[in-house]
Amino acid sequence: MSAVEDLSSDEKQAYELISSHDGILQSDLWKELDITSRKGSRLATSLAKKGLLTREQATSDGHLTYRLEPTNSDASTRTQEEYDNKSEFPEDSQFA
C-alpha cells in the first residue's frame, strides 16, 4: 500500500494540487484549496513528515512562506543546492 493511499481526503487533495503544479508556494496552496492558512500549514507539514514533499522556506512579495515540492527522483525538481553540491566531473575522472 502506498503512502498516498493512506492520506486523508484533505491531504490527498493538497498532494494532488502540489504534484500537478510540480511544486507550489504554501501561501498559494491554501488559497487554491480555499482553506485557512493554518490548515494549509498543517496539511503541508503532515505531508512533509510522511515524506511526500519537501518544504523549504521562501519569500514571496516580502512575506515568509514555504516552497512545497513533491518528492520524487525527477531531475526537474532538484533544488539549486543539489545542483551546487554535485560534482562537475564524472566519478571515474582523474579529478575525482
N, C-alpha and C. Protein backbone atom coordinates (compact mmCIF):
# COMPACT_ATOMS: atom_id res chain seq x y z
N MET A 1 0.85 -1.18 0.00
CA MET A 1 0.00 0.00 0.00
C MET A 1 0.90 1.25 0.00
N SER A 2 0.66 2.20 -0.90
CA SER A 2 1.50 3.38 -0.98
C SER A 2 1.11 4.41 0.08
N ALA A 3 2.03 5.32 0.34
CA ALA A 3 1.79 6.36 1.34
C ALA A 3 0.63 7.26 0.92
N VAL A 4 0.45 7.46 -0.37
CA VAL A 4 -0.63 8.33 -0.86
C VAL A 4 -1.99 7.72 -0.55
N GLU A 5 -2.09 6.41 -0.58
CA GLU A 5 -3.37 5.74 -0.28
C GLU A 5 -3.77 5.91 1.18
N ASP A 6 -2.81 6.18 2.06
CA ASP A 6 -3.08 6.33 3.49
C ASP A 6 -3.45 7.75 3.90
N LEU A 7 -3.59 8.65 2.94
CA LEU A 7 -3.86 10.05 3.25
C LEU A 7 -5.33 10.33 3.48
N SER A 8 -5.60 11.36 4.28
CA SER A 8 -6.98 11.82 4.44
C SER A 8 -7.41 12.48 3.13
N SER A 9 -8.68 12.75 2.99
CA SER A 9 -9.16 13.37 1.75
C SER A 9 -8.55 14.76 1.55
N ASP A 10 -8.39 15.53 2.63
CA ASP A 10 -7.76 16.85 2.53
C ASP A 10 -6.30 16.73 2.13
N GLU A 11 -5.59 15.76 2.71
CA GLU A 11 -4.18 15.55 2.36
C GLU A 11 -4.04 15.13 0.90
N LYS A 12 -4.94 14.25 0.44
CA LYS A 12 -4.90 13.82 -0.96
C LYS A 12 -5.12 15.00 -1.90
N GLN A 13 -6.10 15.83 -1.57
CA GLN A 13 -6.39 16.99 -2.41
C GLN A 13 -5.19 17.93 -2.46
N ALA A 14 -4.57 18.18 -1.32
CA ALA A 14 -3.39 19.06 -1.27
C ALA A 14 -2.23 18.44 -2.04
N TYR A 15 -1.99 17.15 -1.84
CA TYR A 15 -0.89 16.47 -2.53
C TYR A 15 -1.09 16.48 -4.05
N GLU A 16 -2.32 16.24 -4.49
CA GLU A 16 -2.61 16.25 -5.93
C GLU A 16 -2.38 17.64 -6.53
N LEU A 17 -2.75 18.67 -5.80
CA LEU A 17 -2.54 20.04 -6.27
C LEU A 17 -1.05 20.34 -6.37
N ILE A 18 -0.29 19.98 -5.33
CA ILE A 18 1.15 20.22 -5.33
C ILE A 18 1.82 19.45 -6.46
N SER A 19 1.43 18.20 -6.66
CA SER A 19 2.01 17.37 -7.71
C SER A 19 1.66 17.89 -9.10
N SER A 20 0.43 18.33 -9.28
CA SER A 20 0.01 18.81 -10.60
C SER A 20 0.74 20.08 -11.01
N HIS A 21 1.17 20.86 -10.03
CA HIS A 21 1.92 22.09 -10.31
C HIS A 21 3.43 21.82 -10.27
N ASP A 22 3.83 20.60 -9.94
CA ASP A 22 5.25 20.25 -9.76
C ASP A 22 5.89 21.19 -8.75
N GLY A 23 5.11 21.53 -7.73
CA GLY A 23 5.57 22.41 -6.67
C GLY A 23 4.73 23.67 -6.63
N ILE A 24 4.59 24.23 -5.44
CA ILE A 24 3.74 25.41 -5.26
C ILE A 24 4.15 26.10 -3.96
N LEU A 25 3.90 27.38 -3.86
CA LEU A 25 4.12 28.07 -2.60
C LEU A 25 3.00 27.70 -1.64
N GLN A 26 3.36 27.56 -0.36
CA GLN A 26 2.35 27.18 0.63
C GLN A 26 1.23 28.22 0.68
N SER A 27 1.57 29.49 0.52
CA SER A 27 0.55 30.54 0.55
C SER A 27 -0.43 30.41 -0.62
N ASP A 28 0.05 29.88 -1.76
CA ASP A 28 -0.84 29.65 -2.89
C ASP A 28 -1.68 28.38 -2.69
N LEU A 29 -1.11 27.41 -1.99
CA LEU A 29 -1.82 26.16 -1.73
C LEU A 29 -3.13 26.42 -0.99
N TRP A 30 -3.04 27.13 0.13
CA TRP A 30 -4.26 27.32 0.92
C TRP A 30 -5.25 28.24 0.20
N LYS A 31 -4.74 29.15 -0.62
CA LYS A 31 -5.66 30.00 -1.39
C LYS A 31 -6.40 29.18 -2.45
N GLU A 32 -5.66 28.31 -3.15
CA GLU A 32 -6.29 27.49 -4.19
C GLU A 32 -7.26 26.47 -3.61
N LEU A 33 -6.97 25.96 -2.42
CA LEU A 33 -7.86 24.99 -1.78
C LEU A 33 -9.00 25.66 -1.02
N ASP A 34 -8.94 27.00 -0.92
CA ASP A 34 -9.94 27.78 -0.19
C ASP A 34 -10.07 27.29 1.26
N ILE A 35 -8.90 27.22 1.92
CA ILE A 35 -8.83 26.85 3.33
C ILE A 35 -8.03 27.92 4.07
N THR A 36 -8.02 27.86 5.37
CA THR A 36 -7.25 28.83 6.15
C THR A 36 -5.75 28.56 6.01
N SER A 37 -4.95 29.58 6.25
CA SER A 37 -3.50 29.42 6.19
C SER A 37 -3.04 28.41 7.24
N ARG A 38 -3.69 28.40 8.38
CA ARG A 38 -3.34 27.45 9.44
C ARG A 38 -3.56 26.01 8.98
N LYS A 39 -4.71 25.75 8.35
CA LYS A 39 -4.99 24.40 7.86
C LYS A 39 -4.02 24.03 6.74
N GLY A 40 -3.71 24.99 5.86
CA GLY A 40 -2.75 24.74 4.79
C GLY A 40 -1.38 24.39 5.33
N SER A 41 -0.97 25.08 6.38
CA SER A 41 0.32 24.80 7.02
C SER A 41 0.33 23.41 7.64
N ARG A 42 -0.75 23.05 8.29
CA ARG A 42 -0.84 21.71 8.90
C ARG A 42 -0.82 20.60 7.86
N LEU A 43 -1.52 20.82 6.74
CA LEU A 43 -1.51 19.82 5.66
C LEU A 43 -0.10 19.67 5.09
N ALA A 44 0.56 20.80 4.83
CA ALA A 44 1.91 20.76 4.26
C ALA A 44 2.89 20.08 5.22
N THR A 45 2.79 20.41 6.50
CA THR A 45 3.67 19.80 7.49
C THR A 45 3.43 18.30 7.58
N SER A 46 2.18 17.90 7.55
CA SER A 46 1.83 16.48 7.61
C SER A 46 2.38 15.72 6.41
N LEU A 47 2.22 16.28 5.22
CA LEU A 47 2.73 15.63 4.00
C LEU A 47 4.25 15.56 4.01
N ALA A 48 4.89 16.59 4.54
CA ALA A 48 6.35 16.59 4.63
C ALA A 48 6.84 15.52 5.61
N LYS A 49 6.16 15.38 6.75
CA LYS A 49 6.53 14.36 7.73
C LYS A 49 6.36 12.95 7.16
N LYS A 50 5.41 12.79 6.25
CA LYS A 50 5.17 11.49 5.63
C LYS A 50 6.12 11.24 4.46
N GLY A 51 6.99 12.22 4.17
CA GLY A 51 7.98 12.07 3.12
C GLY A 51 7.46 12.27 1.71
N LEU A 52 6.29 12.86 1.57
CA LEU A 52 5.69 13.04 0.25
C LEU A 52 6.06 14.36 -0.42
N LEU A 53 6.59 15.29 0.36
CA LEU A 53 7.01 16.56 -0.22
C LEU A 53 8.12 17.18 0.60
N THR A 54 8.83 18.09 -0.05
CA THR A 54 9.82 18.88 0.66
C THR A 54 9.20 20.24 0.93
N ARG A 55 9.60 20.85 2.01
CA ARG A 55 9.03 22.13 2.44
C ARG A 55 10.20 23.02 2.82
N GLU A 56 10.53 23.97 1.94
CA GLU A 56 11.67 24.85 2.17
C GLU A 56 11.21 26.29 2.30
N GLN A 57 11.80 27.00 3.26
CA GLN A 57 11.44 28.39 3.49
C GLN A 57 11.71 29.22 2.24
N ALA A 58 10.79 30.13 1.93
CA ALA A 58 10.92 31.02 0.78
C ALA A 58 10.26 32.35 1.12
N THR A 59 10.52 33.34 0.29
CA THR A 59 9.89 34.65 0.46
C THR A 59 9.13 34.97 -0.82
N SER A 60 7.90 35.44 -0.65
CA SER A 60 7.08 35.83 -1.79
C SER A 60 6.46 37.19 -1.49
N ASP A 61 6.74 38.17 -2.33
CA ASP A 61 6.25 39.53 -2.12
C ASP A 61 6.58 40.05 -0.73
N GLY A 62 7.77 39.72 -0.25
CA GLY A 62 8.23 40.19 1.05
C GLY A 62 7.67 39.43 2.24
N HIS A 63 6.91 38.37 2.00
CA HIS A 63 6.32 37.59 3.08
C HIS A 63 6.94 36.20 3.14
N LEU A 64 7.17 35.73 4.34
CA LEU A 64 7.71 34.40 4.55
C LEU A 64 6.67 33.35 4.19
N THR A 65 7.05 32.35 3.42
CA THR A 65 6.19 31.24 3.07
C THR A 65 7.09 30.03 2.87
N TYR A 66 6.56 28.98 2.31
CA TYR A 66 7.35 27.78 2.05
C TYR A 66 7.11 27.32 0.63
N ARG A 67 8.16 26.82 0.00
CA ARG A 67 8.06 26.20 -1.32
C ARG A 67 7.81 24.72 -1.08
N LEU A 68 6.72 24.20 -1.62
CA LEU A 68 6.35 22.80 -1.45
C LEU A 68 6.57 22.08 -2.78
N GLU A 69 7.34 21.01 -2.74
CA GLU A 69 7.60 20.23 -3.95
C GLU A 69 7.43 18.75 -3.64
N PRO A 70 6.79 18.03 -4.55
CA PRO A 70 6.63 16.59 -4.33
C PRO A 70 8.01 15.91 -4.36
N THR A 71 8.19 14.91 -3.53
CA THR A 71 9.46 14.18 -3.54
C THR A 71 9.38 13.10 -4.58
N ASN A 72 10.34 13.11 -5.46
CA ASN A 72 10.49 12.08 -6.48
C ASN A 72 11.91 12.16 -7.02
N SER A 73 12.27 11.28 -7.91
CA SER A 73 13.64 11.26 -8.43
C SER A 73 13.79 12.07 -9.71
N ASP A 74 12.76 12.79 -10.11
CA ASP A 74 12.80 13.58 -11.32
C ASP A 74 13.79 14.72 -11.17
N ALA A 75 14.72 14.84 -12.09
CA ALA A 75 15.75 15.87 -12.02
C ALA A 75 15.17 17.28 -12.08
N SER A 76 13.99 17.45 -12.64
CA SER A 76 13.41 18.78 -12.75
C SER A 76 13.02 19.37 -11.40
N THR A 77 12.96 18.56 -10.36
CA THR A 77 12.57 19.06 -9.05
C THR A 77 13.76 19.22 -8.10
N ARG A 78 14.97 19.07 -8.62
CA ARG A 78 16.14 19.25 -7.76
C ARG A 78 16.26 20.70 -7.33
N THR A 79 16.74 20.91 -6.12
CA THR A 79 16.95 22.26 -5.64
C THR A 79 18.27 22.78 -6.17
N GLN A 80 18.47 24.08 -6.12
CA GLN A 80 19.73 24.67 -6.57
C GLN A 80 20.88 24.13 -5.73
N GLU A 81 20.66 23.92 -4.45
CA GLU A 81 21.71 23.38 -3.58
C GLU A 81 22.16 22.00 -4.06
N GLU A 82 21.22 21.16 -4.50
CA GLU A 82 21.58 19.84 -5.00
C GLU A 82 22.46 19.96 -6.24
N TYR A 83 22.16 20.92 -7.12
CA TYR A 83 22.99 21.13 -8.29
C TYR A 83 24.37 21.65 -7.89
N ASP A 84 24.40 22.58 -6.93
CA ASP A 84 25.66 23.16 -6.49
C ASP A 84 26.58 22.12 -5.86
N ASN A 85 25.99 21.15 -5.15
CA ASN A 85 26.79 20.14 -4.46
C ASN A 85 27.23 19.01 -5.37
N LYS A 86 26.67 18.93 -6.57
CA LYS A 86 27.00 17.86 -7.49
C LYS A 86 28.31 18.19 -8.20
N SER A 87 29.21 17.24 -8.26
CA SER A 87 30.50 17.44 -8.91
C SER A 87 30.32 17.63 -10.41
N GLU A 88 31.16 18.47 -10.99
CA GLU A 88 31.14 18.68 -12.43
C GLU A 88 31.84 17.55 -13.18
N PHE A 89 32.61 16.77 -12.45
CA PHE A 89 33.40 15.73 -13.07
C PHE A 89 32.81 14.36 -12.79
N PRO A 90 32.86 13.44 -13.76
CA PRO A 90 32.40 12.08 -13.52
C PRO A 90 33.25 11.43 -12.43
N GLU A 91 32.64 10.48 -11.72
CA GLU A 91 33.34 9.83 -10.62
C GLU A 91 34.61 9.12 -11.07
N ASP A 92 34.62 8.61 -12.30
CA ASP A 92 35.80 7.88 -12.77
C ASP A 92 36.82 8.83 -13.39
N SER A 93 36.61 10.12 -13.27
CA SER A 93 37.54 11.11 -13.81
C SER A 93 38.80 11.16 -12.97
N GLN A 94 39.87 11.71 -13.55
CA GLN A 94 41.13 11.84 -12.82
C GLN A 94 41.02 12.87 -11.70
N PHE A 95 39.95 13.68 -11.71
CA PHE A 95 39.77 14.71 -10.70
C PHE A 95 38.93 14.26 -9.51
N ALA A 96 38.40 13.06 -9.56
CA ALA A 96 37.51 12.58 -8.51
C ALA A 96 38.29 12.17 -7.29
